[in-house]
Amino acid sequence: NVTSDVPEDLESEFAITIFRIVQEALTNIEKHAGATSAQVNVALEADRITIKISDDGVGYEGALSGPSAEGSHLGLLGMRERAQMFGGNFSIAGVSGGGTEIRATLPLLGGRDGSD
């Protein structure tokens, strides 16, 4: 399931950052989570974009200890770095067997193309 209310006037690098965070999260879900469903929500909230991706898989701890966990930290590091590049933050939470939630918040300051 995907929901989004992202404005169309985002700077291209900002829009690409949002896309890449979502893309990497979904790739990780496919590779590591063993999930049957995932939800993606990209929302405009006042002066920021909030990205929330959750699944019903093995949970973050389960994915870190599973057979496909080798090298899995690079994708998470990349998502964190992308969020921080725009002054945002990144978090991941989950419990073994209870799914995982990834959240990134990116301030809009500098993320708009300025053509209002």
PDB file of N, CA and C in Angstrom:
ATOM      1  N   ASN A   1       0.847  -1.180   0.000  1.00  0.00           N
ATOM      2  CA  ASN A   1       0.000   0.000   0.000  1.00  0.00           C
ATOM      3  C   ASN A   1       0.884   1.232   0.000  1.00  0.00           C
ATOM      4  N   VAL A   2       0.554   2.191  -0.841  1.00  0.00           N
ATOM      5  CA  VAL A   2       1.331   3.423  -0.948  1.00  0.00           C
ATOM      6  C   VAL A   2       0.383   4.617  -0.886  1.00  0.00           C
ATOM      7  N   THR A   3       0.720   5.595  -0.027  1.00  0.00           N
ATOM      8  CA  THR A   3       0.007   6.862  -0.007  1.00  0.00           C
ATOM      9  C   THR A   3       1.034   7.986  -0.071  1.00  0.00           C
ATOM     10  N   SER A   4       0.648   9.079  -0.736  1.00  0.00           N
ATOM     11  CA  SER A   4       1.570  10.206  -0.855  1.00  0.00           C
ATOM     12  C   SER A   4       0.796  11.482  -1.131  1.00  0.00           C
ATOM     13  N   ASP A   5       1.214  12.560  -0.490  1.00  0.00           N
ATOM     14  CA  ASP A   5       0.690  13.879  -0.819  1.00  0.00           C
ATOM     15  C   ASP A   5       1.850  14.856  -1.011  1.00  0.00           C
ATOM     16  N   VAL A   6       2.895  14.368  -1.651  1.00  0.00           N
ATOM     17  CA  VAL A   6       4.104  15.161  -1.887  1.00  0.00           C
ATOM     18  C   VAL A   6       3.810  16.218  -2.937  1.00  0.00           C
ATOM     19  N   PRO A   7       4.203  17.473  -2.662  1.00  0.00           N
ATOM     20  CA  PRO A   7       3.993  18.526  -3.666  1.00  0.00           C
ATOM     21  C   PRO A   7       4.824  18.278  -4.921  1.00  0.00           C
ATOM     22  N   GLU A   8       4.335  18.810  -6.045  1.00  0.00           N
ATOM     23  CA  GLU A   8       5.016  18.590  -7.322  1.00  0.00           C
ATOM     24  C   GLU A   8       6.196  19.520  -7.549  1.00  0.00           C
ATOM     25  N   ASP A   9       6.347  20.557  -6.732  1.00  0.00           N
ATOM     26  CA  ASP A   9       7.392  21.546  -6.976  1.00  0.00           C
ATOM     27  C   ASP A   9       8.662  21.306  -6.152  1.00  0.00           C
ATOM     28  N   LEU A  10       8.964  20.051  -5.896  1.00  0.00           N
ATOM     29  CA  LEU A  10      10.180  19.732  -5.157  1.00  0.00           C
ATOM     30  C   LEU A  10      11.401  19.817  -6.053  1.00  0.00           C
ATOM     31  N   GLU A  11      12.474  20.301  -5.498  1.00  0.00           N
ATOM     32  CA  GLU A  11      13.763  20.292  -6.199  1.00  0.00           C
ATOM     33  C   GLU A  11      14.082  18.847  -6.580  1.00  0.00           C
ATOM     34  N   SER A  12      14.685  18.638  -7.737  1.00  0.00           N
ATOM     35  CA  SER A  12      14.901  17.274  -8.225  1.00  0.00           C
ATOM     36  C   SER A  12      15.764  16.438  -7.278  1.00  0.00           C
ATOM     37  N   GLU A  13      16.828  16.999  -6.713  1.00  0.00           N
ATOM     38  CA  GLU A  13      17.669  16.230  -5.785  1.00  0.00           C
ATOM     39  C   GLU A  13      16.891  15.820  -4.542  1.00  0.00           C
ATOM     40  N   PHE A  14      16.008  16.693  -4.082  1.00  0.00           N
ATOM     41  CA  PHE A  14      15.174  16.401  -2.916  1.00  0.00           C
ATOM     42  C   PHE A  14      14.206  15.266  -3.246  1.00  0.00           C
ATOM     43  N   ALA A  15      13.565  15.344  -4.412  1.00  0.00           N
ATOM     44  CA  ALA A  15      12.632  14.301  -4.847  1.00  0.00           C
ATOM     45  C   ALA A  15      13.350  12.968  -5.040  1.00  0.00           C
ATOM     46  N   ILE A  16      14.547  13.009  -5.590  1.00  0.00           N
ATOM     47  CA  ILE A  16      15.331  11.783  -5.779  1.00  0.00           C
ATOM     48  C   ILE A  16      15.692  11.171  -4.434  1.00  0.00           C
ATOM     49  N   THR A  17      16.005  12.008  -3.452  1.00  0.00           N
ATOM     50  CA  THR A  17      16.322  11.510  -2.118  1.00  0.00           C
ATOM     51  C   THR A  17      15.140  10.760  -1.523  1.00  0.00           C
ATOM     52  N   ILE A  18      13.948  11.322  -1.645  1.00  0.00           N
ATOM     53  CA  ILE A  18      12.746  10.642  -1.150  1.00  0.00           C
ATOM     54  C   ILE A  18      12.585   9.301  -1.860  1.00  0.00           C
ATOM     55  N   PHE A  19      12.706   9.309  -3.181  1.00  0.00           N
ATOM     56  CA  PHE A  19      12.564   8.085  -3.964  1.00  0.00           C
ATOM     57  C   PHE A  19      13.580   7.028  -3.530  1.00  0.00           C
ATOM     58  N   ARG A  20      14.830   7.420  -3.373  1.00  0.00           N
ATOM     59  CA  ARG A  20      15.891   6.460  -3.028  1.00  0.00           C
ATOM     60  C   ARG A  20      15.701   5.871  -1.632  1.00  0.00           C
ATOM     61  N   ILE A  21      15.231   6.670  -0.678  1.00  0.00           N
ATOM     62  CA  ILE A  21      14.963   6.142   0.661  1.00  0.00           C
ATOM     63  C   ILE A  21      13.870   5.081   0.594  1.00  0.00           C
ATOM     64  N   VAL A  22      12.782   5.399  -0.112  1.00  0.00           N
ATOM     65  CA  VAL A  22      11.686   4.431  -0.253  1.00  0.00           C
ATOM     66  C   VAL A  22      12.165   3.192  -1.006  1.00  0.00           C
ATOM     67  N   GLN A  23      12.911   3.393  -2.080  1.00  0.00           N
ATOM     68  CA  GLN A  23      13.412   2.273  -2.876  1.00  0.00           C
ATOM     69  C   GLN A  23      14.282   1.337  -2.037  1.00  0.00           C
ATOM     70  N   GLU A  24      15.210   1.884  -1.266  1.00  0.00           N
ATOM     71  CA  GLU A  24      16.100   1.057  -0.451  1.00  0.00           C
ATOM     72  C   GLU A  24      15.330   0.330   0.645  1.00  0.00           C
ATOM     73  N   ALA A  25      14.381   1.011   1.252  1.00  0.00           N
ATOM     74  CA  ALA A  25      13.572   0.364   2.296  1.00  0.00           C
ATOM     75  C   ALA A  25      12.796  -0.819   1.720  1.00  0.00           C
ATOM     76  N   LEU A  26      12.189  -0.643   0.560  1.00  0.00           N
ATOM     77  CA  LEU A  26      11.436  -1.742  -0.052  1.00  0.00           C
ATOM     78  C   LEU A  26      12.360  -2.883  -0.489  1.00  0.00           C
ATOM     79  N   THR A  27      13.548  -2.540  -0.944  1.00  0.00           N
ATOM     80  CA  THR A  27      14.539  -3.570  -1.292  1.00  0.00           C
ATOM     81  C   THR A  27      14.905  -4.374  -0.054  1.00  0.00           C
ATOM     82  N   ASN A  28      15.136  -3.694   1.074  1.00  0.00           N
ATOM     83  CA  ASN A  28      15.464  -4.391   2.315  1.00  0.00           C
ATOM     84  C   ASN A  28      14.319  -5.275   2.788  1.00  0.00           C
ATOM     85  N   ILE A  29      13.097  -4.788   2.641  1.00  0.00           N
ATOM     86  CA  ILE A  29      11.940  -5.600   3.024  1.00  0.00           C
ATOM     87  C   ILE A  29      11.909  -6.870   2.186  1.00  0.00           C
ATOM     88  N   GLU A  30      12.105  -6.716   0.883  1.00  0.00           N
ATOM     89  CA  GLU A  30      12.088  -7.877  -0.006  1.00  0.00           C
ATOM     90  C   GLU A  30      13.190  -8.871   0.349  1.00  0.00           C
ATOM     91  N   LYS A  31      14.395  -8.382   0.621  1.00  0.00           N
ATOM     92  CA  LYS A  31      15.539  -9.256   0.875  1.00  0.00           C
ATOM     93  C   LYS A  31      15.553  -9.881   2.263  1.00  0.00           C
ATOM     94  N   HIS A  32      15.117  -9.121   3.283  1.00  0.00           N
ATOM     95  CA  HIS A  32      15.385  -9.529   4.655  1.00  0.00           C
ATOM     96  C   HIS A  32      14.169  -9.778   5.539  1.00  0.00           C
ATOM     97  N   ALA A  33      13.027  -9.187   5.224  1.00  0.00           N
ATOM     98  CA  ALA A  33      11.926  -9.165   6.189  1.00  0.00           C
ATOM     99  C   ALA A  33      11.053 -10.412   6.206  1.00  0.00           C
ATOM    100  N   GLY A  34      10.946 -11.096   5.082  1.00  0.00           N
ATOM    101  CA  GLY A  34       9.993 -12.205   5.025  1.00  0.00           C
ATOM    102  C   GLY A  34       8.567 -11.703   5.229  1.00  0.00           C
ATOM    103  N   ALA A  35       8.295 -10.496   4.785  1.00  0.00           N
ATOM    104  CA  ALA A  35       6.993  -9.853   5.013  1.00  0.00           C
ATOM    105  C   ALA A  35       5.967 -10.294   3.983  1.00  0.00           C
ATOM    106  N   THR A  36       4.702 -10.246   4.387  1.00  0.00           N
ATOM    107  CA  THR A  36       3.613 -10.498   3.450  1.00  0.00           C
ATOM    108  C   THR A  36       2.990  -9.197   2.971  1.00  0.00           C
ATOM    109  N   SER A  37       3.265  -8.088   3.689  1.00  0.00           N
ATOM    110  CA  SER A  37       2.767  -6.792   3.239  1.00  0.00           C
ATOM    111  C   SER A  37       3.666  -5.680   3.765  1.00  0.00           C
ATOM    112  N   ALA A  38       3.587  -4.555   3.077  1.00  0.00           N
ATOM    113  CA  ALA A  38       4.336  -3.367   3.470  1.00  0.00           C
ATOM    114  C   ALA A  38       3.481  -2.144   3.150  1.00  0.00           C
ATOM    115  N   GLN A  39       3.683  -1.081   3.921  1.00  0.00           N
ATOM    116  CA  GLN A  39       2.975   0.164   3.721  1.00  0.00           C
ATOM    117  C   GLN A  39       4.004   1.277   3.560  1.00  0.00           C
ATOM    118  N   VAL A  40       3.752   2.162   2.600  1.00  0.00           N
ATOM    119  CA  VAL A  40       4.597   3.327   2.363  1.00  0.00           C
ATOM    120  C   VAL A  40       3.699   4.553   2.460  1.00  0.00           C
ATOM    121  N   ASN A  41       4.107   5.508   3.287  1.00  0.00           N
ATOM    122  CA  ASN A  41       3.370   6.755   3.419  1.00  0.00           C
ATOM    123  C   ASN A  41       4.370   7.894   3.334  1.00  0.00           C
ATOM    124  N   VAL A  42       4.200   8.747   2.343  1.00  0.00           N
ATOM    125  CA  VAL A  42       5.036   9.934   2.176  1.00  0.00           C
ATOM    126  C   VAL A  42       4.092  11.122   2.328  1.00  0.00           C
ATOM    127  N   ALA A  43       4.286  11.888   3.411  1.00  0.00           N
ATOM    128  CA  ALA A  43       3.316  12.927   3.746  1.00  0.00           C
ATOM    129  C   ALA A  43       3.966  14.289   3.913  1.00  0.00           C
ATOM    130  N   LEU A  44       3.257  15.304   3.457  1.00  0.00           N
ATOM    131  CA  LEU A  44       3.637  16.687   3.690  1.00  0.00           C
ATOM    132  C   LEU A  44       3.042  17.082   5.034  1.00  0.00           C
ATOM    133  N   GLU A  45       3.885  17.489   5.962  1.00  0.00           N
ATOM    134  CA  GLU A  45       3.439  17.900   7.293  1.00  0.00           C
ATOM    135  C   GLU A  45       4.060  19.253   7.598  1.00  0.00           C
ATOM    136  N   ALA A  46       3.273  20.314   7.443  1.00  0.00           N
ATOM    137  CA  ALA A  46       3.726  21.694   7.693  1.00  0.00           C
ATOM    138  C   ALA A  46       4.972  22.002   6.874  1.00  0.00           C
ATOM    139  N   ASP A  47       6.132  21.998   7.496  1.00  0.00           N
ATOM    140  CA  ASP A  47       7.375  22.394   6.819  1.00  0.00           C
ATOM    141  C   ASP A  47       8.313  21.224   6.580  1.00  0.00           C
ATOM    142  N   ARG A  48       7.767  20.018   6.498  1.00  0.00           N
ATOM    143  CA  ARG A  48       8.622  18.845   6.293  1.00  0.00           C
ATOM    144  C   ARG A  48       7.874  17.746   5.546  1.00  0.00           C
ATOM    145  N   ILE A  49       8.667  16.831   5.003  1.00  0.00           N
ATOM    146  CA  ILE A  49       8.145  15.600   4.398  1.00  0.00           C
ATOM    147  C   ILE A  49       8.481  14.466   5.367  1.00  0.00           C
ATOM    148  N   THR A  50       7.484  13.671   5.702  1.00  0.00           N
ATOM    149  CA  THR A  50       7.705  12.506   6.549  1.00  0.00           C
ATOM    150  C   THR A  50       7.500  11.257   5.708  1.00  0.00           C
ATOM    151  N   ILE A  51       8.493  10.385   5.737  1.00  0.00           N
ATOM    152  CA  ILE A  51       8.454   9.117   5.016  1.00  0.00           C
ATOM    153  C   ILE A  51       8.348   8.017   6.059  1.00  0.00           C
ATOM    154  N   LYS A  52       7.333   7.198   5.940  1.00  0.00           N
ATOM    155  CA  LYS A  52       7.148   6.086   6.878  1.00  0.00           C
ATOM    156  C   LYS A  52       6.928   4.816   6.067  1.00  0.00           C
ATOM    157  N   ILE A  53       7.781   3.825   6.294  1.00  0.00           N
ATOM    158  CA  ILE A  53       7.670   2.537   5.613  1.00  0.00           C
ATOM    159  C   ILE A  53       7.624   1.461   6.685  1.00  0.00           C
ATOM    160  N   SER A  54       6.594   0.640   6.668  1.00  0.00           N
ATOM    161  CA  SER A  54       6.476  -0.416   7.673  1.00  0.00           C
ATOM    162  C   SER A  54       6.120  -1.734   7.001  1.00  0.00           C
ATOM    163  N   ASP A  55       6.455  -2.820   7.689  1.00  0.00           N
ATOM    164  CA  ASP A  55       6.145  -4.149   7.157  1.00  0.00           C
ATOM    165  C   ASP A  55       5.718  -5.063   8.299  1.00  0.00           C
ATOM    166  N   ASP A  56       5.229  -6.242   7.929  1.00  0.00           N
ATOM    167  CA  ASP A  56       4.791  -7.226   8.923  1.00  0.00           C
ATOM    168  C   ASP A  56       5.743  -8.418   8.970  1.00  0.00           C
ATOM    169  N   GLY A  57       7.019  -8.170   8.710  1.00  0.00           N
ATOM    170  CA  GLY A  57       8.009  -9.246   8.628  1.00  0.00           C
ATOM    171  C   GLY A  57       8.622  -9.646   9.953  1.00  0.00           C
ATOM    172  N   VAL A  58       9.837 -10.172   9.858  1.00  0.00           N
ATOM    173  CA  VAL A  58      10.518 -10.766  11.012  1.00  0.00           C
ATOM    174  C   VAL A  58      11.000  -9.737  12.022  1.00  0.00           C
ATOM    175  N   GLY A  59      10.934  -8.472  11.690  1.00  0.00           N
ATOM    176  CA  GLY A  59      11.410  -7.425  12.589  1.00  0.00           C
ATOM    177  C   GLY A  59      12.868  -7.121  12.337  1.00  0.00           C
ATOM    178  N   TYR A  60      13.278  -5.971  12.782  1.00  0.00           N
ATOM    179  CA  TYR A  60      14.643  -5.503  12.542  1.00  0.00           C
ATOM    180  C   TYR A  60      15.674  -6.454  13.134  1.00  0.00           C
ATOM    181  N   GLU A  61      15.486  -6.891  14.362  1.00  0.00           N
ATOM    182  CA  GLU A  61      16.448  -7.814  14.984  1.00  0.00           C
ATOM    183  C   GLU A  61      16.515  -9.134  14.227  1.00  0.00           C
ATOM    184  N   GLY A  62      15.366  -9.629  13.782  1.00  0.00           N
ATOM    185  CA  GLY A  62      15.339 -10.878  13.028  1.00  0.00           C
ATOM    186  C   GLY A  62      16.054 -10.751  11.698  1.00  0.00           C
ATOM    187  N   ALA A  63      15.890  -9.613  11.042  1.00  0.00           N
ATOM    188  CA  ALA A  63      16.559  -9.393   9.759  1.00  0.00           C
ATOM    189  C   ALA A  63      18.067  -9.288   9.947  1.00  0.00           C
ATOM    190  N   LEU A  64      18.508  -8.711  11.059  1.00  0.00           N
ATOM    191  CA  LEU A  64      19.944  -8.562  11.306  1.00  0.00           C
ATOM    192  C   LEU A  64      20.630  -9.884  11.600  1.00  0.00           C
ATOM    193  N   SER A  65      19.872 -10.860  12.082  1.00  0.00           N
ATOM    194  CA  SER A  65      20.490 -12.133  12.431  1.00  0.00           C
ATOM    195  C   SER A  65      20.186 -13.243  11.432  1.00  0.00           C
ATOM    196  N   GLY A  66      19.372 -12.953  10.428  1.00  0.00           N
ATOM    197  CA  GLY A  66      18.982 -13.974   9.466  1.00  0.00           C
ATOM    198  C   GLY A  66      20.072 -14.285   8.459  1.00  0.00           C
ATOM    199  N   PRO A  67      19.835 -15.288   7.597  1.00  0.00           N
ATOM    200  CA  PRO A  67      20.853 -15.725   6.648  1.00  0.00           C
ATOM    201  C   PRO A  67      21.212 -14.689   5.594  1.00  0.00           C
ATOM    202  N   SER A  68      20.344 -13.726   5.322  1.00  0.00           N
ATOM    203  CA  SER A  68      20.657 -12.733   4.291  1.00  0.00           C
ATOM    204  C   SER A  68      21.103 -11.406   4.890  1.00  0.00           C
ATOM    205  N   ALA A  69      21.515 -11.405   6.141  1.00  0.00           N
ATOM    206  CA  ALA A  69      21.853 -10.163   6.841  1.00  0.00           C
ATOM    207  C   ALA A  69      23.223  -9.609   6.460  1.00  0.00           C
ATOM    208  N   GLU A  70      24.114 -10.424   5.918  1.00  0.00           N
ATOM    209  CA  GLU A  70      25.463  -9.959   5.609  1.00  0.00           C
ATOM    210  C   GLU A  70      25.419  -8.772   4.649  1.00  0.00           C
ATOM    211  N   GLY A  71      26.057  -7.676   5.028  1.00  0.00           N
ATOM    212  CA  GLY A  71      26.096  -6.482   4.193  1.00  0.00           C
ATOM    213  C   GLY A  71      24.855  -5.623   4.267  1.00  0.00           C
ATOM    214  N   SER A  72      23.897  -5.974   5.123  1.00  0.00           N
ATOM    215  CA  SER A  72      22.631  -5.256   5.144  1.00  0.00           C
ATOM    216  C   SER A  72      22.727  -3.855   5.729  1.00  0.00           C
ATOM    217  N   HIS A  73      23.783  -3.551   6.460  1.00  0.00           N
ATOM    218  CA  HIS A  73      23.886  -2.244   7.097  1.00  0.00           C
ATOM    219  C   HIS A  73      24.183  -1.125   6.104  1.00  0.00           C
ATOM    220  N   LEU A  74      24.732  -1.424   4.948  1.00  0.00           N
ATOM    221  CA  LEU A  74      25.075  -0.372   3.989  1.00  0.00           C
ATOM    222  C   LEU A  74      23.839   0.352   3.476  1.00  0.00           C
ATOM    223  N   GLY A  75      22.775  -0.365   3.235  1.00  0.00           N
ATOM    224  CA  GLY A  75      21.536   0.265   2.777  1.00  0.00           C
ATOM    225  C   GLY A  75      20.958   1.185   3.830  1.00  0.00           C
ATOM    226  N   LEU A  76      20.993   0.753   5.091  1.00  0.00           N
ATOM    227  CA  LEU A  76      20.498   1.589   6.177  1.00  0.00           C
ATOM    228  C   LEU A  76      21.350   2.840   6.329  1.00  0.00           C
ATOM    229  N   LEU A  77      22.650   2.669   6.225  1.00  0.00           N
ATOM    230  CA  LEU A  77      23.564   3.801   6.309  1.00  0.00           C
ATOM    231  C   LEU A  77      23.291   4.796   5.178  1.00  0.00           C
ATOM    232  N   GLY A  78      23.060   4.284   3.980  1.00  0.00           N
ATOM    233  CA  GLY A  78      22.761   5.144   2.842  1.00  0.00           C
ATOM    234  C   GLY A  78      21.477   5.933   3.043  1.00  0.00           C
ATOM    235  N   MET A  79      20.434   5.288   3.590  1.00  0.00           N
ATOM    236  CA  MET A  79      19.181   5.991   3.845  1.00  0.00           C
ATOM    237  C   MET A  79      19.391   7.090   4.888  1.00  0.00           C
ATOM    238  N   ARG A  80      20.126   6.778   5.940  1.00  0.00           N
ATOM    239  CA  ARG A  80      20.407   7.767   6.990  1.00  0.00           C
ATOM    240  C   ARG A  80      21.186   8.955   6.412  1.00  0.00           C
ATOM    241  N   GLU A  81      22.210   8.661   5.612  1.00  0.00           N
ATOM    242  CA  GLU A  81      23.021   9.731   5.022  1.00  0.00           C
ATOM    243  C   GLU A  81      22.206  10.605   4.079  1.00  0.00           C
ATOM    244  N   ARG A  82      21.307   9.989   3.311  1.00  0.00           N
ATOM    245  CA  ARG A  82      20.466  10.772   2.397  1.00  0.00           C
ATOM    246  C   ARG A  82      19.573  11.736   3.184  1.00  0.00           C
ATOM    247  N   ALA A  83      18.975  11.245   4.270  1.00  0.00           N
ATOM    248  CA  ALA A  83      18.122  12.109   5.091  1.00  0.00           C
ATOM    249  C   ALA A  83      18.939  13.237   5.711  1.00  0.00           C
ATOM    250  N   GLN A  84      20.102  12.919   6.237  1.00  0.00           N
ATOM    251  CA  GLN A  84      20.939  13.924   6.892  1.00  0.00           C
ATOM    252  C   GLN A  84      21.483  14.952   5.907  1.00  0.00           C
ATOM    253  N   MET A  85      21.645  14.559   4.652  1.00  0.00           N
ATOM    254  CA  MET A  85      22.138  15.466   3.617  1.00  0.00           C
ATOM    255  C   MET A  85      21.217  16.691   3.482  1.00  0.00           C
ATOM    256  N   PHE A  86      19.935  16.510   3.772  1.00  0.00           N
ATOM    257  CA  PHE A  86      18.966  17.599   3.700  1.00  0.00           C
ATOM    258  C   PHE A  86      18.568  18.110   5.081  1.00  0.00           C
ATOM    259  N   GLY A  87      19.369  17.805   6.101  1.00  0.00           N
ATOM    260  CA  GLY A  87      19.084  18.275   7.448  1.00  0.00           C
ATOM    261  C   GLY A  87      17.993  17.501   8.144  1.00  0.00           C
ATOM    262  N   GLY A  88      17.713  16.303   7.657  1.00  0.00           N
ATOM    263  CA  GLY A  88      16.648  15.495   8.225  1.00  0.00           C
ATOM    264  C   GLY A  88      17.171  14.445   9.184  1.00  0.00           C
ATOM    265  N   ASN A  89      16.266  13.580   9.594  1.00  0.00           N
ATOM    266  CA  ASN A  89      16.657  12.483  10.474  1.00  0.00           C
ATOM    267  C   ASN A  89      16.060  11.177   9.979  1.00  0.00           C
ATOM    268  N   PHE A  90      16.579  10.094  10.516  1.00  0.00           N
ATOM    269  CA  PHE A  90      16.226   8.741  10.083  1.00  0.00           C
ATOM    270  C   PHE A  90      16.175   7.847  11.307  1.00  0.00           C
ATOM    271  N   SER A  91      15.185   6.979  11.365  1.00  0.00           N
ATOM    272  CA  SER A  91      15.137   6.006  12.459  1.00  0.00           C
ATOM    273  C   SER A  91      14.576   4.691  11.943  1.00  0.00           C
ATOM    274  N   ILE A  92      14.937   3.638  12.621  1.00  0.00           N
ATOM    275  CA  ILE A  92      14.411   2.314  12.323  1.00  0.00           C
ATOM    276  C   ILE A  92      14.076   1.647  13.647  1.00  0.00           C
ATOM    277  N   ALA A  93      12.919   1.028  13.689  1.00  0.00           N
ATOM    278  CA  ALA A  93      12.481   0.357  14.913  1.00  0.00           C
ATOM    279  C   ALA A  93      11.752  -0.919  14.532  1.00  0.00           C
ATOM    280  N   GLY A  94      11.869  -1.898  15.370  1.00  0.00           N
ATOM    281  CA  GLY A  94      11.171  -3.153  15.153  1.00  0.00           C
ATOM    282  C   GLY A  94      11.548  -4.153  16.220  1.00  0.00           C
ATOM    283  N   VAL A  95      10.696  -5.123  16.367  1.00  0.00           N
ATOM    284  CA  VAL A  95      10.964  -6.193  17.318  1.00  0.00           C
ATOM    285  C   VAL A  95      10.922  -7.512  16.583  1.00  0.00           C
ATOM    286  N   SER A  96      11.684  -8.460  17.051  1.00  0.00           N
ATOM    287  CA  SER A  96      11.730  -9.766  16.414  1.00  0.00           C
ATOM    288  C   SER A  96      10.324 -10.339  16.289  1.00  0.00           C
ATOM    289  N   GLY A  97       9.938 -10.652  15.069  1.00  0.00           N
ATOM    290  CA  GLY A  97       8.618 -11.215  14.800  1.00  0.00           C
ATOM    291  C   GLY A  97       7.502 -10.193  14.712  1.00  0.00           C
ATOM    292  N   GLY A  98       7.809  -8.919  14.935  1.00  0.00           N
ATOM    293  CA  GLY A  98       6.761  -7.907  14.984  1.00  0.00           C
ATOM    294  C   GLY A  98       6.823  -6.858  13.899  1.00  0.00           C
ATOM    295  N   GLY A  99       7.612  -7.083  12.870  1.00  0.00           N
ATOM    296  CA  GLY A  99       7.693  -6.104  11.790  1.00  0.00           C
ATOM    297  C   GLY A  99       8.692  -5.002  12.082  1.00  0.00           C
ATOM    298  N   THR A 100       8.855  -4.129  11.101  1.00  0.00           N
ATOM    299  CA  THR A 100       9.819  -3.044  11.187  1.00  0.00           C
ATOM    300  C   THR A 100       9.177  -1.766  10.672  1.00  0.00           C
ATOM    301  N   GLU A 101       9.592  -0.640  11.255  1.00  0.00           N
ATOM    302  CA  GLU A 101       9.147   0.660  10.756  1.00  0.00           C
ATOM    303  C   GLU A 101      10.363   1.544  10.541  1.00  0.00           C
ATOM    304  N   ILE A 102      10.452   2.080   9.348  1.00  0.00           N
ATOM    305  CA  ILE A 102      11.497   3.034   8.993  1.00  0.00           C
ATOM    306  C   ILE A 102      10.817   4.386   8.858  1.00  0.00           C
ATOM    307  N   ARG A 103      11.445   5.397   9.440  1.00  0.00           N
ATOM    308  CA  ARG A 103      10.887   6.743   9.366  1.00  0.00           C
ATOM    309  C   ARG A 103      12.006   7.727   9.049  1.00  0.00           C
ATOM    310  N   ALA A 104      11.752   8.585   8.075  1.00  0.00           N
ATOM    311  CA  ALA A 104      12.686   9.657   7.737  1.00  0.00           C
ATOM    312  C   ALA A 104      11.888  10.948   7.668  1.00  0.00           C
ATOM    313  N   THR A 105      12.468  12.003   8.201  1.00  0.00           N
ATOM    314  CA  THR A 105      11.843  13.310   8.165  1.00  0.00           C
ATOM    315  C   THR A 105      12.818  14.276   7.515  1.00  0.00           C
ATOM    316  N   LEU A 106      12.339  14.963   6.480  1.00  0.00           N
ATOM    317  CA  LEU A 106      13.178  15.894   5.729  1.00  0.00           C
ATOM    318  C   LEU A 106      12.543  17.277   5.759  1.00  0.00           C
ATOM    319  N   PRO A 107      13.237  18.281   6.289  1.00  0.00           N
ATOM    320  CA  PRO A 107      12.672  19.635   6.283  1.00  0.00           C
ATOM    321  C   PRO A 107      12.556  20.157   4.854  1.00  0.00           C
ATOM    322  N   LEU A 108      11.498  20.912   4.578  1.00  0.00           N
ATOM    323  CA  LEU A 108      11.295  21.445   3.231  1.00  0.00           C
ATOM    324  C   LEU A 108      12.203  22.607   2.914  1.00  0.00           C
ATOM    325  N   LEU A 109      12.767  23.266   3.893  1.00  0.00           N
ATOM    326  CA  LEU A 109      13.662  24.391   3.648  1.00  0.00           C
ATOM    327  C   LEU A 109      14.733  23.981   2.657  1.00  0.00           C
ATOM    328  N   GLY A 110      14.761  24.613   1.512  1.00  0.00           N
ATOM    329  CA  GLY A 110      15.754  24.280   0.493  1.00  0.00           C
ATOM    330  C   GLY A 110      15.336  23.121  -0.390  1.00  0.00           C
ATOM    331  N   GLY A 111      14.231  22.450  -0.068  1.00  0.00           N
ATOM    332  CA  GLY A 111      13.801  21.319  -0.868  1.00  0.00           C
ATOM    333  C   GLY A 111      12.836  21.677  -1.979  1.00  0.00           C
ATOM    334  N   ARG A 112      12.331  22.926  -1.962  1.00  0.00           N
ATOM    335  CA  ARG A 112      11.409  23.397  -2.996  1.00  0.00           C
ATOM    336  C   ARG A 112      12.199  24.076  -4.095  1.00  0.00           C
ATOM    337  N   ASP A 113      11.679  24.074  -5.298  1.00  0.00           N
ATOM    338  CA  ASP A 113      12.424  24.684  -6.409  1.00  0.00           C
ATOM    339  C   ASP A 113      12.256  26.199  -6.480  1.00  0.00           C
ATOM    340  N   GLY A 114      11.422  26.759  -5.619  1.00  0.00           N
ATOM    341  CA  GLY A 114      11.296  28.207  -5.535  1.00  0.00           C
ATOM    342  C   GLY A 114      10.346  28.826  -6.529  1.00  0.00           C
ATOM    343  N   SER A 115       9.684  28.043  -7.357  1.00  0.00           N
ATOM    344  CA  SER A 115       8.761  28.591  -8.366  1.00  0.00           C
ATOM    345  C   SER A 115       7.326  28.499  -7.869  1.00  0.00           C
ATOM    346  N   ASP A 116       6.983  29.304  -6.885  1.00  0.00           N
ATOM    347  CA  ASP A 116       5.627  29.310  -6.335  1.00  0.00           C
ATOM    348  C   ASP A 116       4.657  30.063  -7.215  1.00  0.00           C
TER     349      ASP A 116
END
